[in-house]
Amino acid sequence: MYGTSGSAEANWDTPRISVVIPTLNRDEPLCVTLRYFLEVETYPDFELIVIDQSDSHDATTLEFLAKNASRMNYIAATYKGLPKARNHGVHLATGEIVVFVDDDVVPAPGFLFAHAICYAIQRVIGVAGPTPLPGQSLLSREAIGESGYVSLVQQREMRFDVDFPFSAQWAQGCNMSFRREKIIALGGFDEVFQKVAVGEDAEFSHRARKIGTIRYTPDARLVHMHVPTGGCRDAANQREYMRNVAFCKNYFWFRVEATFAQRMRAMWRTFRSSVLNRRGDFFQAAIGFVEGFLMSSAHIRRLRRQK
């Protein structure tokens, strides 16, 4: 297991890291996230890039951002789109490694070093870390059982709540890093994923794993607050939200080269979990889901005709 001991840090030629934080309509959670990197993180060579797509901020947040303006590269974006914000951050980055975190996370001390040390292995193209909820403990190999462990190491499943390292199936967007040159070589994050952007991180990971390994390390831990307001989950209404979910899910399965039958089974599972078992206006959610599915299917057909 990769560690963060003092001796390891002393012998490690630390690469420069760019921390990219896309943010949308968050105030106090954003300030909490930024405070970690401004006041707690001790990694010797990193920069902080904030891509802010917010409509506005409260007075306290504006004061905080102004006070720390010289310590970060703050961009007030005129667009809304998570993959586009990631690509914008990569374009501005000067680090060899780009670490992405959400705007509602609390990293554990040593966070950046834990990401960086994994890149001592050349074949590692990306790193994923744990993303537990507040108060949630990481699980041991024994706790998930032998079948659960085998599913992880065979890359048939992925989870972000275990306390041992393995080669990951994909990296979760709220806590992931990649080599900058490889992000660029792969064409960046797919900006067809918009608004809720479900699956944009896993789709990029799918491409990344074709040329390298994604390493999950329990040492690169943060707590994901899952703040219910703001962020890419913002939507005008339930119909719009489900339209976005269905569009992104259908497009995701196409992008990861699932067969038509696999894609339809996946979409049925999504409909069942997100519409049939969802609280709220079933009629509006169902209409939105069908609209999103039809829109993404039309987009997929256009892409196929272009080949």
Protein backbone atom coordinates (compact mmCIF):
# COMPACT_ATOMS: atom_id res chain seq x y z
CA MET A 1 0.00 0.00 0.00
CA TYR A 2 1.24 3.48 -0.79
CA GLY A 3 1.88 5.43 2.38
CA THR A 4 2.46 9.02 3.36
CA SER A 5 5.29 8.51 5.83
CA GLY A 6 7.89 11.18 6.37
CA SER A 7 10.68 9.04 4.91
CA ALA A 8 8.72 8.37 1.72
CA GLU A 9 8.01 12.08 1.32
CA ALA A 10 11.67 12.95 1.84
CA ASN A 11 12.75 10.57 -0.97
CA TRP A 12 10.01 11.50 -3.44
CA ASP A 13 10.69 13.98 -6.22
CA THR A 14 7.30 15.64 -6.09
CA PRO A 15 5.73 16.59 -9.41
CA ARG A 16 3.91 19.89 -9.70
CA ILE A 17 0.16 19.49 -9.17
CA SER A 18 -2.70 21.62 -10.46
CA VAL A 19 -5.87 21.35 -8.36
CA VAL A 20 -8.94 22.14 -10.47
CA ILE A 21 -12.21 22.92 -8.69
CA PRO A 22 -15.26 23.51 -10.90
CA THR A 23 -17.99 25.21 -8.87
CA LEU A 24 -21.61 26.16 -9.46
CA ASN A 25 -23.87 28.09 -7.07
CA ARG A 26 -22.16 27.04 -3.85
CA ASP A 27 -21.05 29.38 -1.08
CA GLU A 28 -20.01 28.01 2.32
CA PRO A 29 -19.22 24.49 0.98
CA LEU A 30 -16.91 26.05 -1.61
CA CYS A 31 -15.16 28.12 1.06
CA VAL A 32 -14.70 25.00 3.22
CA THR A 33 -13.12 23.15 0.30
CA LEU A 34 -10.82 26.04 -0.56
CA ARG A 35 -9.75 26.50 3.07
CA TYR A 36 -8.28 23.01 3.07
CA PHE A 37 -5.96 23.81 0.16
CA LEU A 38 -5.18 27.32 1.40
CA GLU A 39 -4.64 26.51 5.08
CA VAL A 40 -4.08 22.78 5.62
CA GLU A 41 -2.48 21.15 2.56
CA THR A 42 1.33 20.95 2.87
CA TYR A 43 2.27 19.60 -0.56
CA PRO A 44 5.29 21.67 -1.65
CA ASP A 45 4.39 22.50 -5.25
CA PHE A 46 0.77 22.98 -6.27
CA GLU A 47 -1.53 25.61 -7.74
CA LEU A 48 -5.24 26.13 -7.17
CA ILE A 49 -7.54 26.74 -10.16
CA VAL A 50 -11.21 27.59 -9.54
CA ILE A 51 -13.61 27.58 -12.49
CA ASP A 52 -16.68 29.39 -11.13
CA GLN A 53 -19.90 29.02 -13.13
CA SER A 54 -22.10 30.47 -10.39
CA ASP A 55 -24.88 32.97 -11.01
CA SER A 56 -23.94 34.87 -7.84
CA HIS A 57 -22.39 34.53 -4.37
CA ASP A 58 -23.31 35.81 -0.95
CA ALA A 59 -21.30 38.63 0.61
CA THR A 60 -19.25 36.31 2.85
CA THR A 61 -18.12 34.16 -0.08
CA LEU A 62 -17.27 37.20 -2.20
CA GLU A 63 -15.16 38.57 0.65
CA PHE A 64 -13.38 35.22 1.07
CA LEU A 65 -12.63 34.94 -2.66
CA ALA A 66 -11.35 38.52 -2.81
CA LYS A 67 -9.15 38.04 0.25
CA ASN A 68 -7.49 34.98 -1.29
CA ALA A 69 -7.46 36.10 -4.92
CA SER A 70 -3.66 36.20 -5.09
CA ARG A 71 -3.42 32.58 -3.93
CA MET A 72 -5.52 30.99 -6.66
CA ASN A 73 -6.28 31.26 -10.35
CA TYR A 74 -9.93 32.23 -10.17
CA ILE A 75 -11.97 32.18 -13.38
CA ALA A 76 -15.52 33.55 -13.53
CA ALA A 77 -16.89 31.40 -16.36
CA THR A 78 -19.67 32.58 -18.64
CA TYR A 79 -20.89 29.05 -19.36
CA LYS A 80 -22.30 26.13 -17.38
CA GLY A 81 -20.90 22.66 -17.98
CA LEU A 82 -18.84 20.39 -15.78
CA PRO A 83 -16.72 18.69 -18.49
CA LYS A 84 -16.12 22.06 -20.12
CA ALA A 85 -14.97 23.47 -16.77
CA ARG A 86 -12.60 20.52 -16.31
CA ASN A 87 -11.14 21.10 -19.77
CA HIS A 88 -10.80 24.81 -19.05
CA GLY A 89 -8.88 23.98 -15.88
CA VAL A 90 -6.61 21.55 -17.73
CA HIS A 91 -5.86 24.24 -20.33
CA LEU A 92 -4.80 26.66 -17.57
CA ALA A 93 -2.89 24.07 -15.55
CA THR A 94 0.89 24.18 -15.30
CA GLY A 95 1.22 20.98 -13.28
CA GLU A 96 2.28 17.58 -14.50
CA ILE A 97 -0.63 16.09 -12.53
CA VAL A 98 -4.15 17.53 -12.49
CA VAL A 99 -6.25 16.76 -9.41
CA PHE A 100 -10.01 17.33 -9.68
CA VAL A 101 -12.23 17.78 -6.63
CA ASP A 102 -15.80 18.95 -6.17
CA ASP A 103 -16.81 22.16 -4.44
CA ASP A 104 -18.30 20.37 -1.41
CA VAL A 105 -15.47 18.15 -0.14
CA VAL A 106 -13.17 18.05 2.89
CA PRO A 107 -9.86 16.33 2.07
CA ALA A 108 -7.79 14.56 4.72
CA PRO A 109 -4.27 15.89 5.49
CA GLY A 110 -1.70 14.58 3.02
CA PHE A 111 -4.29 14.45 0.25
CA LEU A 112 -2.13 15.72 -2.61
CA PHE A 113 0.92 13.72 -1.61
CA ALA A 114 -1.22 10.55 -1.64
CA HIS A 115 -2.25 11.31 -5.23
CA ALA A 116 1.28 12.24 -6.32
CA ILE A 117 3.14 9.21 -4.99
CA CYS A 118 1.05 6.83 -7.11
CA TYR A 119 2.57 8.37 -10.24
CA ALA A 120 5.98 6.98 -9.31
CA ILE A 121 4.77 3.97 -11.30
CA GLN A 122 4.95 4.97 -14.96
CA ARG A 123 1.97 2.93 -16.14
CA VAL A 124 -0.34 4.79 -13.73
CA ILE A 125 -2.27 7.32 -15.78
CA GLY A 126 -4.83 8.25 -13.14
CA VAL A 127 -5.62 8.00 -9.45
CA ALA A 128 -8.91 7.61 -7.60
CA GLY A 129 -9.45 8.12 -3.89
CA PRO A 130 -12.15 7.32 -1.33
CA THR A 131 -15.24 9.54 -1.23
CA PRO A 132 -17.07 8.58 2.00
CA LEU A 133 -20.01 10.53 3.38
CA PRO A 134 -19.61 12.40 6.67
CA GLY A 135 -19.10 9.87 9.47
CA GLN A 136 -18.68 6.93 7.08
CA SER A 137 -15.74 4.59 7.70
CA LEU A 138 -13.78 2.80 5.02
CA LEU A 139 -14.32 -0.93 4.69
CA SER A 140 -11.67 -3.64 4.86
CA ARG A 141 -11.26 -6.50 2.41
CA GLU A 142 -12.79 -8.80 4.99
CA ALA A 143 -15.81 -6.51 5.37
CA ILE A 144 -16.72 -6.63 1.67
CA GLY A 145 -16.13 -10.38 1.39
CA GLU A 146 -14.15 -12.41 -1.09
CA SER A 147 -16.68 -12.03 -3.93
CA GLY A 148 -16.71 -8.27 -3.48
CA TYR A 149 -12.92 -8.16 -3.52
CA VAL A 150 -12.71 -10.31 -6.67
CA SER A 151 -15.23 -8.04 -8.43
CA LEU A 152 -13.01 -5.06 -7.66
CA VAL A 153 -9.70 -6.54 -8.78
CA GLN A 154 -11.29 -7.98 -11.92
CA GLN A 155 -12.74 -4.53 -12.62
CA ARG A 156 -16.30 -5.78 -12.82
CA GLU A 157 -17.41 -3.34 -10.12
CA MET A 158 -16.13 -0.14 -8.57
CA ARG A 159 -16.47 1.30 -5.10
CA PHE A 160 -14.90 4.25 -3.31
CA ASP A 161 -15.26 3.20 0.33
CA VAL A 162 -12.53 0.59 0.92
CA ASP A 163 -9.25 0.85 2.82
CA PHE A 164 -6.95 -1.08 0.43
CA PRO A 165 -5.42 -0.21 -2.98
CA PHE A 166 -6.28 -1.84 -6.31
CA SER A 167 -6.37 -1.12 -10.05
CA ALA A 168 -9.63 0.73 -10.50
CA GLN A 169 -12.34 0.42 -13.10
CA TRP A 170 -12.86 4.18 -13.09
CA ALA A 171 -12.28 7.35 -11.10
CA GLN A 172 -15.01 9.45 -9.51
CA GLY A 173 -15.03 13.12 -10.48
CA CYS A 174 -15.11 14.52 -6.96
CA ASN A 175 -11.72 12.92 -6.17
CA MET A 176 -9.57 11.96 -9.12
CA SER A 177 -6.33 12.91 -10.86
CA PHE A 178 -4.69 12.25 -14.20
CA ARG A 179 -1.44 13.07 -15.96
CA ARG A 180 -2.07 16.35 -17.77
CA GLU A 181 -0.36 15.29 -20.99
CA LYS A 182 -2.55 12.19 -21.14
CA ILE A 183 -5.75 14.19 -20.62
CA ILE A 184 -4.79 16.33 -23.59
CA ALA A 185 -3.75 13.32 -25.69
CA LEU A 186 -7.14 11.71 -25.04
CA GLY A 187 -8.99 14.82 -26.18
CA GLY A 188 -10.10 15.94 -22.73
CA PHE A 189 -13.47 15.37 -21.11
CA ASP A 190 -16.46 14.88 -23.40
CA GLU A 191 -18.46 18.12 -23.40
CA VAL A 192 -21.56 16.40 -24.80
CA PHE A 193 -22.22 15.51 -21.15
CA GLN A 194 -24.03 18.61 -19.86
CA LYS A 195 -25.87 19.85 -16.77
CA VAL A 196 -26.08 16.79 -14.47
CA ALA A 197 -23.23 15.32 -16.56
CA VAL A 198 -23.84 11.79 -15.25
CA GLY A 199 -21.05 9.47 -16.36
CA GLU A 200 -18.57 12.03 -17.72
CA ASP A 201 -15.88 10.90 -15.28
CA ALA A 202 -16.41 7.19 -15.95
CA GLU A 203 -16.47 7.76 -19.71
CA PHE A 204 -13.12 9.55 -19.58
CA SER A 205 -11.76 6.78 -17.36
CA HIS A 206 -12.86 4.24 -19.97
CA ARG A 207 -10.65 5.96 -22.55
CA ALA A 208 -7.80 6.43 -20.07
CA ARG A 209 -7.68 2.75 -19.16
CA LYS A 210 -6.92 1.90 -22.78
CA ILE A 211 -3.49 3.49 -22.40
CA GLY A 212 -2.72 3.09 -18.69
CA THR A 213 -3.81 2.11 -15.20
CA ILE A 214 -6.07 3.96 -12.78
CA ARG A 215 -4.89 3.37 -9.21
CA TYR A 216 -7.28 3.52 -6.27
CA THR A 217 -5.45 4.53 -3.08
CA PRO A 218 -7.16 4.82 0.30
CA ASP A 219 -4.60 7.44 1.34
CA ALA A 220 -6.09 10.06 -1.03
CA ARG A 221 -9.19 10.36 1.11
CA LEU A 222 -11.75 13.11 1.33
CA VAL A 223 -15.24 13.44 2.75
CA HIS A 224 -17.90 14.23 0.16
CA MET A 225 -20.57 16.39 1.76
CA HIS A 226 -23.14 15.87 -1.04
CA VAL A 227 -24.64 19.32 -0.47
CA PRO A 228 -28.21 19.08 -1.87
CA THR A 229 -28.30 22.54 -3.46
CA GLY A 230 -26.04 23.97 -6.13
CA GLY A 231 -23.63 21.95 -8.19
CA CYS A 232 -24.40 20.21 -11.47
CA ARG A 233 -27.57 18.74 -9.99
CA ASP A 234 -29.25 22.15 -10.20
CA ALA A 235 -32.22 21.96 -12.55
CA ALA A 236 -35.33 24.03 -13.10
CA ASN A 237 -37.67 21.13 -12.39
CA GLN A 238 -37.92 17.36 -12.14
CA ARG A 239 -38.72 16.93 -15.82
CA GLU A 240 -35.57 18.80 -16.86
CA TYR A 241 -33.46 16.88 -14.37
CA MET A 242 -34.64 13.49 -15.62
CA ARG A 243 -34.23 14.62 -19.23
CA ASN A 244 -30.57 15.34 -18.47
CA VAL A 245 -30.09 12.06 -16.59
CA ALA A 246 -31.54 9.95 -19.40
CA PHE A 247 -29.58 11.81 -22.07
CA CYS A 248 -26.27 11.36 -20.26
CA LYS A 249 -26.88 7.74 -19.26
CA ASN A 250 -27.81 6.62 -22.76
CA TYR A 251 -24.88 8.54 -24.26
CA PHE A 252 -22.52 7.15 -21.63
CA TRP A 253 -23.30 3.53 -22.45
CA PHE A 254 -22.82 4.28 -26.15
CA ARG A 255 -19.45 5.93 -25.46
CA VAL A 256 -18.14 2.98 -23.41
CA GLU A 257 -18.94 0.68 -26.32
CA ALA A 258 -21.83 -1.23 -24.78
CA THR A 259 -23.91 -3.28 -27.19
CA PHE A 260 -27.41 -2.11 -28.03
CA ALA A 261 -28.89 -4.81 -25.78
CA GLN A 262 -26.59 -3.85 -22.91
CA ARG A 263 -27.50 -0.19 -23.36
CA MET A 264 -31.24 -0.93 -23.29
CA ARG A 265 -30.92 -3.05 -20.15
CA ALA A 266 -28.92 -0.29 -18.48
CA MET A 267 -31.52 2.31 -19.43
CA TRP A 268 -34.32 0.17 -18.04
CA ARG A 269 -32.43 -0.14 -14.75
CA THR A 270 -31.99 3.62 -14.68
CA PHE A 271 -35.70 4.20 -15.42
CA ARG A 272 -36.68 1.80 -12.69
CA SER A 273 -34.39 3.35 -10.07
CA SER A 274 -34.69 7.00 -11.07
CA VAL A 275 -38.33 7.23 -12.14
CA LEU A 276 -40.37 4.30 -10.82
CA ASN A 277 -38.74 4.40 -7.39
CA ARG A 278 -38.29 8.16 -7.21
CA ARG A 279 -40.40 10.39 -5.00
CA GLY A 280 -42.15 13.29 -6.68
CA ASP A 281 -44.16 13.80 -9.84
CA PHE A 282 -43.96 10.47 -11.67
CA PHE A 283 -45.62 11.83 -14.81
CA GLN A 284 -43.17 14.71 -15.24
CA ALA A 285 -40.18 12.50 -14.42
CA ALA A 286 -41.28 9.86 -16.93
CA ILE A 287 -41.82 12.41 -19.70
CA GLY A 288 -38.42 13.95 -19.03
CA PHE A 289 -36.74 10.55 -19.09
CA VAL A 290 -38.30 9.62 -22.44
CA GLU A 291 -37.37 13.02 -23.89
CA GLY A 292 -33.76 12.64 -22.81
CA PHE A 293 -33.55 9.10 -24.14
CA LEU A 294 -34.92 10.15 -27.55
CA MET A 295 -32.61 13.18 -27.72
CA SER A 296 -29.51 11.13 -26.94
CA SER A 297 -30.56 8.36 -29.34
CA ALA A 298 -30.85 10.94 -32.12
CA HIS A 299 -27.40 12.28 -31.23
CA ILE A 300 -25.95 8.76 -31.28
CA ARG A 301 -27.42 8.16 -34.74
CA ARG A 302 -25.82 11.38 -36.00
CA LEU A 303 -22.46 10.29 -34.62
CA ARG A 304 -22.73 6.93 -36.33
CA ARG A 305 -23.55 8.53 -39.66
CA GLN A 306 -20.44 10.70 -39.37
CA LYS A 307 -18.14 7.65 -39.13
